[in-house]
Amino acid sequence: MSSVQIQCTRCKNVFRDRAGRLQDGYSRQCPSCEVVLFFAEDSQHPFIKRAMRNARKVRKEIREAEAVRLAAPELHPARRSRSFAGRTRSAERED
């Protein structure tokens, strides 16, 4: 889940945007009423606060999952595509 739900401050419509984009200084237009929403850490509007808080949480979870994945490569065996495995076998047969 790399996206967060955002509720429009004007029409109350709910839409999604990527958590990586939702940072201080980001602006987004509501797909329904086309009002421009400005995302700031010090915003007083509860819809903006909730979206920013959820985006921070999702980004943190993504960073932690990436750190675990990089720290324990033996848990995730190397994956090769079938086409790559096929080329390797054909190269072995030619020798």
PDB file of N, CA and C in Angstrom:
ATOM      1  N   MET A   1       0.852  -1.183   0.000  1.00  0.00           N
ATOM      2  CA  MET A   1       0.000   0.000   0.000  1.00  0.00           C
ATOM      3  C   MET A   1       0.890   1.235   0.000  1.00  0.00           C
ATOM      4  N   SER A   2       1.165   1.760  -1.153  1.00  0.00           N
ATOM      5  CA  SER A   2       2.017   2.932  -1.235  1.00  0.00           C
ATOM      6  C   SER A   2       1.222   4.202  -1.508  1.00  0.00           C
ATOM      7  N   SER A   3      -0.090   4.118  -1.426  1.00  0.00           N
ATOM      8  CA  SER A   3      -0.907   5.310  -1.634  1.00  0.00           C
ATOM      9  C   SER A   3      -1.766   5.573  -0.399  1.00  0.00           C
ATOM     10  N   VAL A   4      -2.221   6.807  -0.291  1.00  0.00           N
ATOM     11  CA  VAL A   4      -3.064   7.203   0.836  1.00  0.00           C
ATOM     12  C   VAL A   4      -4.333   7.850   0.313  1.00  0.00           C
ATOM     13  N   GLN A   5      -5.364   7.783   1.117  1.00  0.00           N
ATOM     14  CA  GLN A   5      -6.618   8.414   0.763  1.00  0.00           C
ATOM     15  C   GLN A   5      -6.593   9.870   1.204  1.00  0.00           C
ATOM     16  N   ILE A   6      -7.148  10.727   0.365  1.00  0.00           N
ATOM     17  CA  ILE A   6      -7.220  12.158   0.643  1.00  0.00           C
ATOM     18  C   ILE A   6      -8.672  12.560   0.506  1.00  0.00           C
ATOM     19  N   GLN A   7      -9.157  13.323   1.469  1.00  0.00           N
ATOM     20  CA  GLN A   7     -10.522  13.829   1.383  1.00  0.00           C
ATOM     21  C   GLN A   7     -10.459  15.307   1.029  1.00  0.00           C
ATOM     22  N   CYS A   8     -11.190  15.680  -0.005  1.00  0.00           N
ATOM     23  CA  CYS A   8     -11.191  17.061  -0.474  1.00  0.00           C
ATOM     24  C   CYS A   8     -11.776  17.977   0.598  1.00  0.00           C
ATOM     25  N   THR A   9     -11.171  19.124   0.769  1.00  0.00           N
ATOM     26  CA  THR A   9     -11.643  20.079   1.777  1.00  0.00           C
ATOM     27  C   THR A   9     -12.895  20.812   1.323  1.00  0.00           C
ATOM     28  N   ARG A  10     -13.172  20.780   0.034  1.00  0.00           N
ATOM     29  CA  ARG A  10     -14.338  21.500  -0.488  1.00  0.00           C
ATOM     30  C   ARG A  10     -15.538  20.579  -0.726  1.00  0.00           C
ATOM     31  N   CYS A  11     -15.361  19.539  -1.564  1.00  0.00           N
ATOM     32  CA  CYS A  11     -16.496  18.681  -1.940  1.00  0.00           C
ATOM     33  C   CYS A  11     -16.584  17.407  -1.104  1.00  0.00           C
ATOM     34  N   LYS A  12     -15.586  17.146  -0.275  1.00  0.00           N
ATOM     35  CA  LYS A  12     -15.516  15.965   0.602  1.00  0.00           C
ATOM     36  C   LYS A  12     -15.339  14.656  -0.159  1.00  0.00           C
ATOM     37  N   ASN A  13     -15.039  14.729  -1.457  1.00  0.00           N
ATOM     38  CA  ASN A  13     -14.781  13.534  -2.249  1.00  0.00           C
ATOM     39  C   ASN A  13     -13.463  12.911  -1.786  1.00  0.00           C
ATOM     40  N   VAL A  14     -13.382  11.580  -1.796  1.00  0.00           N
ATOM     41  CA  VAL A  14     -12.167  10.878  -1.392  1.00  0.00           C
ATOM     42  C   VAL A  14     -11.476  10.343  -2.646  1.00  0.00           C
ATOM     43  N   PHE A  15     -10.164  10.593  -2.737  1.00  0.00           N
ATOM     44  CA  PHE A  15      -9.353  10.085  -3.842  1.00  0.00           C
ATOM     45  C   PHE A  15      -8.014   9.660  -3.295  1.00  0.00           C
ATOM     46  N   ARG A  16      -7.189   9.037  -4.122  1.00  0.00           N
ATOM     47  CA  ARG A  16      -5.901   8.509  -3.667  1.00  0.00           C
ATOM     48  C   ARG A  16      -4.743   9.205  -4.376  1.00  0.00           C
ATOM     49  N   ASP A  17      -3.619   9.252  -3.665  1.00  0.00           N
ATOM     50  CA  ASP A  17      -2.376   9.738  -4.250  1.00  0.00           C
ATOM     51  C   ASP A  17      -1.233   8.981  -3.601  1.00  0.00           C
ATOM     52  N   ARG A  18      -0.087   8.952  -4.269  1.00  0.00           N
ATOM     53  CA  ARG A  18       1.065   8.228  -3.736  1.00  0.00           C
ATOM     54  C   ARG A  18       1.607   8.899  -2.486  1.00  0.00           C
ATOM     55  N   ALA A  19       2.004   8.074  -1.520  1.00  0.00           N
ATOM     56  CA  ALA A  19       2.529   8.584  -0.260  1.00  0.00           C
ATOM     57  C   ALA A  19       3.833   9.337  -0.467  1.00  0.00           C
ATOM     58  N   GLY A  20       4.620   8.937  -1.443  1.00  0.00           N
ATOM     59  CA  GLY A  20       5.892   9.610  -1.711  1.00  0.00           C
ATOM     60  C   GLY A  20       5.712  11.041  -2.179  1.00  0.00           C
ATOM     61  N   ARG A  21       4.611  11.316  -2.832  1.00  0.00           N
ATOM     62  CA  ARG A  21       4.348  12.673  -3.311  1.00  0.00           C
ATOM     63  C   ARG A  21       3.833  13.585  -2.210  1.00  0.00           C
ATOM     64  N   LEU A  22       3.099  13.033  -1.262  1.00  0.00           N
ATOM     65  CA  LEU A  22       2.421  13.827  -0.242  1.00  0.00           C
ATOM     66  C   LEU A  22       3.419  14.311   0.807  1.00  0.00           C
ATOM     67  N   GLN A  23       4.128  15.359   0.477  1.00  0.00           N
ATOM     68  CA  GLN A  23       5.091  15.942   1.401  1.00  0.00           C
ATOM     69  C   GLN A  23       4.843  17.436   1.490  1.00  0.00           C
ATOM     70  N   ASP A  24       5.527  18.066   2.422  1.00  0.00           N
ATOM     71  CA  ASP A  24       5.369  19.497   2.647  1.00  0.00           C
ATOM     72  C   ASP A  24       5.628  20.273   1.358  1.00  0.00           C
ATOM     73  N   GLY A  25       4.664  21.109   0.961  1.00  0.00           N
ATOM     74  CA  GLY A  25       4.805  21.912  -0.243  1.00  0.00           C
ATOM     75  C   GLY A  25       4.142  21.320  -1.476  1.00  0.00           C
ATOM     76  N   TYR A  26       3.610  20.126  -1.371  1.00  0.00           N
ATOM     77  CA  TYR A  26       2.962  19.471  -2.513  1.00  0.00           C
ATOM     78  C   TYR A  26       1.554  20.038  -2.691  1.00  0.00           C
ATOM     79  N   SER A  27       1.107  20.170  -3.917  1.00  0.00           N
ATOM     80  CA  SER A  27      -0.268  20.599  -4.187  1.00  0.00           C
ATOM     81  C   SER A  27      -0.878  19.636  -5.189  1.00  0.00           C
ATOM     82  N   ARG A  28      -2.180  19.442  -5.056  1.00  0.00           N
ATOM     83  CA  ARG A  28      -2.892  18.491  -5.907  1.00  0.00           C
ATOM     84  C   ARG A  28      -4.288  19.021  -6.170  1.00  0.00           C
ATOM     85  N   GLN A  29      -4.759  18.826  -7.360  1.00  0.00           N
ATOM     86  CA  GLN A  29      -6.099  19.254  -7.718  1.00  0.00           C
ATOM     87  C   GLN A  29      -7.073  18.110  -7.471  1.00  0.00           C
ATOM     88  N   CYS A  30      -8.205  18.418  -6.849  1.00  0.00           N
ATOM     89  CA  CYS A  30      -9.247  17.420  -6.606  1.00  0.00           C
ATOM     90  C   CYS A  30      -9.807  16.977  -7.956  1.00  0.00           C
ATOM     91  N   PRO A  31      -9.892  15.680  -8.200  1.00  0.00           N
ATOM     92  CA  PRO A  31     -10.414  15.212  -9.489  1.00  0.00           C
ATOM     93  C   PRO A  31     -11.908  15.479  -9.673  1.00  0.00           C
ATOM     94  N   SER A  32     -12.612  15.765  -8.600  1.00  0.00           N
ATOM     95  CA  SER A  32     -14.048  15.983  -8.691  1.00  0.00           C
ATOM     96  C   SER A  32     -14.412  17.463  -8.883  1.00  0.00           C
ATOM     97  N   CYS A  33     -13.984  18.298  -7.940  1.00  0.00           N
ATOM     98  CA  CYS A  33     -14.375  19.715  -8.002  1.00  0.00           C
ATOM     99  C   CYS A  33     -13.267  20.626  -8.514  1.00  0.00           C
ATOM    100  N   GLU A  34     -12.068  20.071  -8.717  1.00  0.00           N
ATOM    101  CA  GLU A  34     -10.913  20.773  -9.268  1.00  0.00           C
ATOM    102  C   GLU A  34     -10.358  21.895  -8.402  1.00  0.00           C
ATOM    103  N   VAL A  35     -10.672  21.908  -7.111  1.00  0.00           N
ATOM    104  CA  VAL A  35     -10.044  22.855  -6.202  1.00  0.00           C
ATOM    105  C   VAL A  35      -8.605  22.373  -5.960  1.00  0.00           C
ATOM    106  N   VAL A  36      -7.675  23.294  -5.789  1.00  0.00           N
ATOM    107  CA  VAL A  36      -6.280  22.936  -5.549  1.00  0.00           C
ATOM    108  C   VAL A  36      -6.062  22.791  -4.048  1.00  0.00           C
ATOM    109  N   LEU A  37      -5.585  21.614  -3.643  1.00  0.00           N
ATOM    110  CA  LEU A  37      -5.291  21.341  -2.240  1.00  0.00           C
ATOM    111  C   LEU A  37      -3.794  21.509  -2.025  1.00  0.00           C
ATOM    112  N   PHE A  38      -3.434  22.240  -0.986  1.00  0.00           N
ATOM    113  CA  PHE A  38      -2.031  22.450  -0.642  1.00  0.00           C
ATOM    114  C   PHE A  38      -1.712  21.649   0.608  1.00  0.00           C
ATOM    115  N   PHE A  39      -0.663  20.845   0.532  1.00  0.00           N
ATOM    116  CA  PHE A  39      -0.276  19.983   1.643  1.00  0.00           C
ATOM    117  C   PHE A  39       0.918  20.594   2.357  1.00  0.00           C
ATOM    118  N   ALA A  40       0.703  20.897   3.634  1.00  0.00           N
ATOM    119  CA  ALA A  40       1.761  21.489   4.458  1.00  0.00           C
ATOM    120  C   ALA A  40       1.752  20.806   5.823  1.00  0.00           C
ATOM    121  N   GLU A  41       2.921  20.645   6.401  1.00  0.00           N
ATOM    122  CA  GLU A  41       3.036  20.006   7.713  1.00  0.00           C
ATOM    123  C   GLU A  41       2.278  20.777   8.797  1.00  0.00           C
ATOM    124  N   ASP A  42       2.200  22.096   8.655  1.00  0.00           N
ATOM    125  CA  ASP A  42       1.558  22.914   9.692  1.00  0.00           C
ATOM    126  C   ASP A  42       0.113  23.277   9.349  1.00  0.00           C
ATOM    127  N   SER A  43      -0.504  22.534   8.435  1.00  0.00           N
ATOM    128  CA  SER A  43      -1.886  22.806   8.046  1.00  0.00           C
ATOM    129  C   SER A  43      -2.824  22.573   9.230  1.00  0.00           C
ATOM    130  N   GLN A  44      -3.847  23.405   9.337  1.00  0.00           N
ATOM    131  CA  GLN A  44      -4.811  23.272  10.422  1.00  0.00           C
ATOM    132  C   GLN A  44      -6.039  22.472  10.009  1.00  0.00           C
ATOM    133  N   HIS A  45      -6.195  22.179   8.730  1.00  0.00           N
ATOM    134  CA  HIS A  45      -7.373  21.454   8.271  1.00  0.00           C
ATOM    135  C   HIS A  45      -7.229  19.959   8.602  1.00  0.00           C
ATOM    136  N   PRO A  46      -8.239  19.368   9.243  1.00  0.00           N
ATOM    137  CA  PRO A  46      -8.112  17.964   9.662  1.00  0.00           C
ATOM    138  C   PRO A  46      -7.945  16.970   8.505  1.00  0.00           C
ATOM    139  N   PHE A  47      -8.524  17.249   7.337  1.00  0.00           N
ATOM    140  CA  PHE A  47      -8.373  16.330   6.201  1.00  0.00           C
ATOM    141  C   PHE A  47      -6.931  16.320   5.712  1.00  0.00           C
ATOM    142  N   ILE A  48      -6.325  17.488   5.672  1.00  0.00           N
ATOM    143  CA  ILE A  48      -4.925  17.606   5.233  1.00  0.00           C
ATOM    144  C   ILE A  48      -4.007  16.971   6.276  1.00  0.00           C
ATOM    145  N   LYS A  49      -4.287  17.235   7.556  1.00  0.00           N
ATOM    146  CA  LYS A  49      -3.475  16.641   8.631  1.00  0.00           C
ATOM    147  C   LYS A  49      -3.503  15.120   8.552  1.00  0.00           C
ATOM    148  N   ARG A  50      -4.684  14.558   8.357  1.00  0.00           N
ATOM    149  CA  ARG A  50      -4.841  13.106   8.307  1.00  0.00           C
ATOM    150  C   ARG A  50      -4.080  12.530   7.116  1.00  0.00           C
ATOM    151  N   ALA A  51      -4.197  13.160   5.963  1.00  0.00           N
ATOM    152  CA  ALA A  51      -3.496  12.676   4.774  1.00  0.00           C
ATOM    153  C   ALA A  51      -1.983  12.734   4.966  1.00  0.00           C
ATOM    154  N   MET A  52      -1.487  13.820   5.542  1.00  0.00           N
ATOM    155  CA  MET A  52      -0.044  13.960   5.763  1.00  0.00           C
ATOM    156  C   MET A  52       0.445  12.919   6.776  1.00  0.00           C
ATOM    157  N   ARG A  53      -0.322  12.703   7.836  1.00  0.00           N
ATOM    158  CA  ARG A  53       0.050  11.722   8.857  1.00  0.00           C
ATOM    159  C   ARG A  53       0.075  10.314   8.252  1.00  0.00           C
ATOM    160  N   ASN A  54      -0.940   9.969   7.475  1.00  0.00           N
ATOM    161  CA  ASN A  54      -0.987   8.648   6.844  1.00  0.00           C
ATOM    162  C   ASN A  54       0.157   8.467   5.846  1.00  0.00           C
ATOM    163  N   ALA A  55       0.493   9.514   5.108  1.00  0.00           N
ATOM    164  CA  ALA A  55       1.597   9.434   4.143  1.00  0.00           C
ATOM    165  C   ALA A  55       2.928   9.207   4.864  1.00  0.00           C
ATOM    166  N   ARG A  56       3.139   9.909   5.979  1.00  0.00           N
ATOM    167  CA  ARG A  56       4.369   9.687   6.759  1.00  0.00           C
ATOM    168  C   ARG A  56       4.445   8.250   7.249  1.00  0.00           C
ATOM    169  N   LYS A  57       3.317   7.726   7.718  1.00  0.00           N
ATOM    170  CA  LYS A  57       3.267   6.353   8.220  1.00  0.00           C
ATOM    171  C   LYS A  57       3.579   5.349   7.106  1.00  0.00           C
ATOM    172  N   VAL A  58       2.999   5.536   5.938  1.00  0.00           N
ATOM    173  CA  VAL A  58       3.237   4.625   4.816  1.00  0.00           C
ATOM    174  C   VAL A  58       4.686   4.698   4.365  1.00  0.00           C
ATOM    175  N   ARG A  59       5.244   5.907   4.272  1.00  0.00           N
ATOM    176  CA  ARG A  59       6.657   6.040   3.868  1.00  0.00           C
ATOM    177  C   ARG A  59       7.571   5.353   4.876  1.00  0.00           C
ATOM    178  N   LYS A  60       7.255   5.473   6.158  1.00  0.00           N
ATOM    179  CA  LYS A  60       8.063   4.819   7.193  1.00  0.00           C
ATOM    180  C   LYS A  60       7.988   3.302   7.055  1.00  0.00           C
ATOM    181  N   GLU A  61       6.779   2.765   6.832  1.00  0.00           N
ATOM    182  CA  GLU A  61       6.624   1.323   6.660  1.00  0.00           C
ATOM    183  C   GLU A  61       7.389   0.827   5.433  1.00  0.00           C
ATOM    184  N   ILE A  62       7.379   1.599   4.368  1.00  0.00           N
ATOM    185  CA  ILE A  62       8.108   1.218   3.155  1.00  0.00           C
ATOM    186  C   ILE A  62       9.613   1.199   3.426  1.00  0.00           C
ATOM    187  N   ARG A  63      10.111   2.232   4.122  1.00  0.00           N
ATOM    188  CA  ARG A  63      11.546   2.274   4.465  1.00  0.00           C
ATOM    189  C   ARG A  63      11.941   1.096   5.340  1.00  0.00           C
ATOM    190  N   GLU A  64      11.104   0.763   6.348  1.00  0.00           N
ATOM    191  CA  GLU A  64      11.417  -0.357   7.240  1.00  0.00           C
ATOM    192  C   GLU A  64      11.406  -1.683   6.482  1.00  0.00           C
ATOM    193  N   ALA A  65      10.444  -1.867   5.605  1.00  0.00           N
ATOM    194  CA  ALA A  65      10.383  -3.102   4.827  1.00  0.00           C
ATOM    195  C   ALA A  65      11.595  -3.219   3.903  1.00  0.00           C
ATOM    196  N   GLU A  66      12.010  -2.120   3.314  1.00  0.00           N
ATOM    197  CA  GLU A  66      13.187  -2.114   2.448  1.00  0.00           C
ATOM    198  C   GLU A  66      14.448  -2.431   3.252  1.00  0.00           C
ATOM    199  N   ALA A  67      14.556  -1.880   4.462  1.00  0.00           N
ATOM    200  CA  ALA A  67      15.721  -2.150   5.311  1.00  0.00           C
ATOM    201  C   ALA A  67      15.777  -3.622   5.692  1.00  0.00           C
ATOM    202  N   VAL A  68      14.646  -4.210   6.016  1.00  0.00           N
ATOM    203  CA  VAL A  68      14.604  -5.632   6.357  1.00  0.00           C
ATOM    204  C   VAL A  68      14.992  -6.465   5.147  1.00  0.00           C
ATOM    205  N   ARG A  69      14.483  -6.097   3.977  1.00  0.00           N
ATOM    206  CA  ARG A  69      14.793  -6.840   2.765  1.00  0.00           C
ATOM    207  C   ARG A  69      16.277  -6.777   2.435  1.00  0.00           C
ATOM    208  N   LEU A  70      16.889  -5.614   2.619  1.00  0.00           N
ATOM    209  CA  LEU A  70      18.318  -5.478   2.320  1.00  0.00           C
ATOM    210  C   LEU A  70      19.192  -6.127   3.382  1.00  0.00           C
ATOM    211  N   ALA A  71      18.726  -6.150   4.625  1.00  0.00           N
ATOM    212  CA  ALA A  71      19.524  -6.715   5.712  1.00  0.00           C
ATOM    213  C   ALA A  71      19.529  -8.238   5.685  1.00  0.00           C
ATOM    214  N   ALA A  72      18.503  -8.851   5.130  1.00  0.00           N
ATOM    215  CA  ALA A  72      18.406 -10.312   5.131  1.00  0.00           C
ATOM    216  C   ALA A  72      18.207 -10.842   3.713  1.00  0.00           C
ATOM    217  N   PRO A  73      19.212 -10.754   2.854  1.00  0.00           N
ATOM    218  CA  PRO A  73      19.031 -11.232   1.474  1.00  0.00           C
ATOM    219  C   PRO A  73      18.878 -12.745   1.390  1.00  0.00           C
ATOM    220  N   GLU A  74      19.355 -13.490   2.398  1.00  0.00           N
ATOM    221  CA  GLU A  74      19.237 -14.946   2.340  1.00  0.00           C
ATOM    222  C   GLU A  74      17.791 -15.413   2.501  1.00  0.00           C
ATOM    223  N   LEU A  75      16.924 -14.564   3.028  1.00  0.00           N
ATOM    224  CA  LEU A  75      15.517 -14.922   3.158  1.00  0.00           C
ATOM    225  C   LEU A  75      14.794 -14.849   1.822  1.00  0.00           C
ATOM    226  N   HIS A  76      15.308 -14.053   0.913  1.00  0.00           N
ATOM    227  CA  HIS A  76      14.697 -13.887  -0.396  1.00  0.00           C
ATOM    228  C   HIS A  76      15.663 -14.423  -1.444  1.00  0.00           C
ATOM    229  N   PRO A  77      15.433 -15.638  -1.917  1.00  0.00           N
ATOM    230  CA  PRO A  77      16.372 -16.200  -2.907  1.00  0.00           C
ATOM    231  C   PRO A  77      16.368 -15.371  -4.184  1.00  0.00           C
ATOM    232  N   ALA A  78      17.479 -15.416  -4.864  1.00  0.00           N
ATOM    233  CA  ALA A  78      17.595 -14.666  -6.115  1.00  0.00           C
ATOM    234  C   ALA A  78      16.590 -15.214  -7.108  1.00  0.00           C
ATOM    235  N   ARG A  79      15.852 -14.329  -7.704  1.00  0.00           N
ATOM    236  CA  ARG A  79      14.838 -14.753  -8.668  1.00  0.00           C
ATOM    237  C   ARG A  79      15.335 -14.433 -10.063  1.00  0.00           C
ATOM    238  N   ARG A  80      15.290 -15.435 -10.918  1.00  0.00           N
ATOM    239  CA  ARG A  80      15.668 -15.217 -12.297  1.00  0.00           C
ATOM    240  C   ARG A  80      14.444 -15.454 -13.158  1.00  0.00           C
ATOM    241  N   SER A  81      14.346 -14.693 -14.176  1.00  0.00           N
ATOM    242  CA  SER A  81      13.227 -14.890 -15.094  1.00  0.00           C
ATOM    243  C   SER A  81      13.450 -16.173 -15.882  1.00  0.00           C
ATOM    244  N   ARG A  82      12.383 -16.692 -16.436  1.00  0.00           N
ATOM    245  CA  ARG A  82      12.493 -17.919 -17.220  1.00  0.00           C
ATOM    246  C   ARG A  82      13.381 -17.718 -18.433  1.00  0.00           C
ATOM    247  N   SER A  83      13.289 -16.560 -19.044  1.00  0.00           N
ATOM    248  CA  SER A  83      14.097 -16.317 -20.232  1.00  0.00           C
ATOM    249  C   SER A  83      15.583 -16.280 -19.880  1.00  0.00           C
ATOM    250  N   PHE A  84      15.912 -15.733 -18.740  1.00  0.00           N
ATOM    251  CA  PHE A  84      17.309 -15.699 -18.312  1.00  0.00           C
ATOM    252  C   PHE A  84      17.796 -17.116 -18.024  1.00  0.00           C
ATOM    253  N   ALA A  85      16.991 -17.901 -17.325  1.00  0.00           N
ATOM    254  CA  ALA A  85      17.366 -19.277 -17.011  1.00  0.00           C
ATOM    255  C   ALA A  85      17.519 -20.078 -18.301  1.00  0.00           C
ATOM    256  N   GLY A  86      16.672 -19.814 -19.272  1.00  0.00           N
ATOM    257  CA  GLY A  86      16.751 -20.520 -20.542  1.00  0.00           C
ATOM    258  C   GLY A  86      18.038 -20.212 -21.280  1.00  0.00           C
ATOM    259  N   ARG A  87      18.453 -18.960 -21.273  1.00  0.00           N
ATOM    260  CA  ARG A  87      19.700 -18.583 -21.953  1.00  0.00           C
ATOM    261  C   ARG A  87      20.882 -19.247 -21.272  1.00  0.00           C
ATOM    262  N   THR A  88      20.843 -19.343 -19.972  1.00  0.00           N
ATOM    263  CA  THR A  88      21.948 -19.960 -19.251  1.00  0.00           C
ATOM    264  C   THR A  88      22.066 -21.436 -19.620  1.00  0.00           C
ATOM    265  N   ARG A  89      20.950 -22.141 -19.681  1.00  0.00           N
ATOM    266  CA  ARG A  89      20.985 -23.555 -20.028  1.00  0.00           C
ATOM    267  C   ARG A  89      21.458 -23.775 -21.466  1.00  0.00           C
ATOM    268  N   SER A  90      20.999 -22.930 -22.377  1.00  0.00           N
ATOM    269  CA  SER A  90      21.412 -23.104 -23.766  1.00  0.00           C
ATOM    270  C   SER A  90      22.906 -22.817 -23.915  1.00  0.00           C
ATOM    271  N   ALA A  91      23.420 -21.884 -23.160  1.00  0.00           N
ATOM    272  CA  ALA A  91      24.858 -21.593 -23.222  1.00  0.00           C
ATOM    273  C   ALA A  91      25.658 -22.773 -22.694  1.00  0.00           C
ATOM    274  N   GLU A  92      25.131 -23.456 -21.689  1.00  0.00           N
ATOM    275  CA  GLU A  92      25.832 -24.616 -21.132  1.00  0.00           C
ATOM    276  C   GLU A  92      25.846 -25.778 -22.127  1.00  0.00           C
ATOM    277  N   ARG A  93      24.761 -25.933 -22.876  1.00  0.00           N
ATOM    278  CA  ARG A  93      24.668 -27.022 -23.855  1.00  0.00           C
ATOM    279  C   ARG A  93      25.643 -26.842 -25.011  1.00  0.00           C
ATOM    280  N   GLU A  94      25.890 -25.591 -25.403  1.00  0.00           N
ATOM    281  CA  GLU A  94      26.779 -25.333 -26.519  1.00  0.00           C
ATOM    282  C   GLU A  94      28.223 -25.712 -26.212  1.00  0.00           C
ATOM    283  N   ASP A  95      28.621 -25.650 -24.961  1.00  0.00           N
ATOM    284  CA  ASP A  95      30.010 -25.957 -24.590  1.00  0.00           C
ATOM    285  C   ASP A  95      30.328 -27.390 -24.669  1.00  0.00           C
TER     286      ASP A  95
END
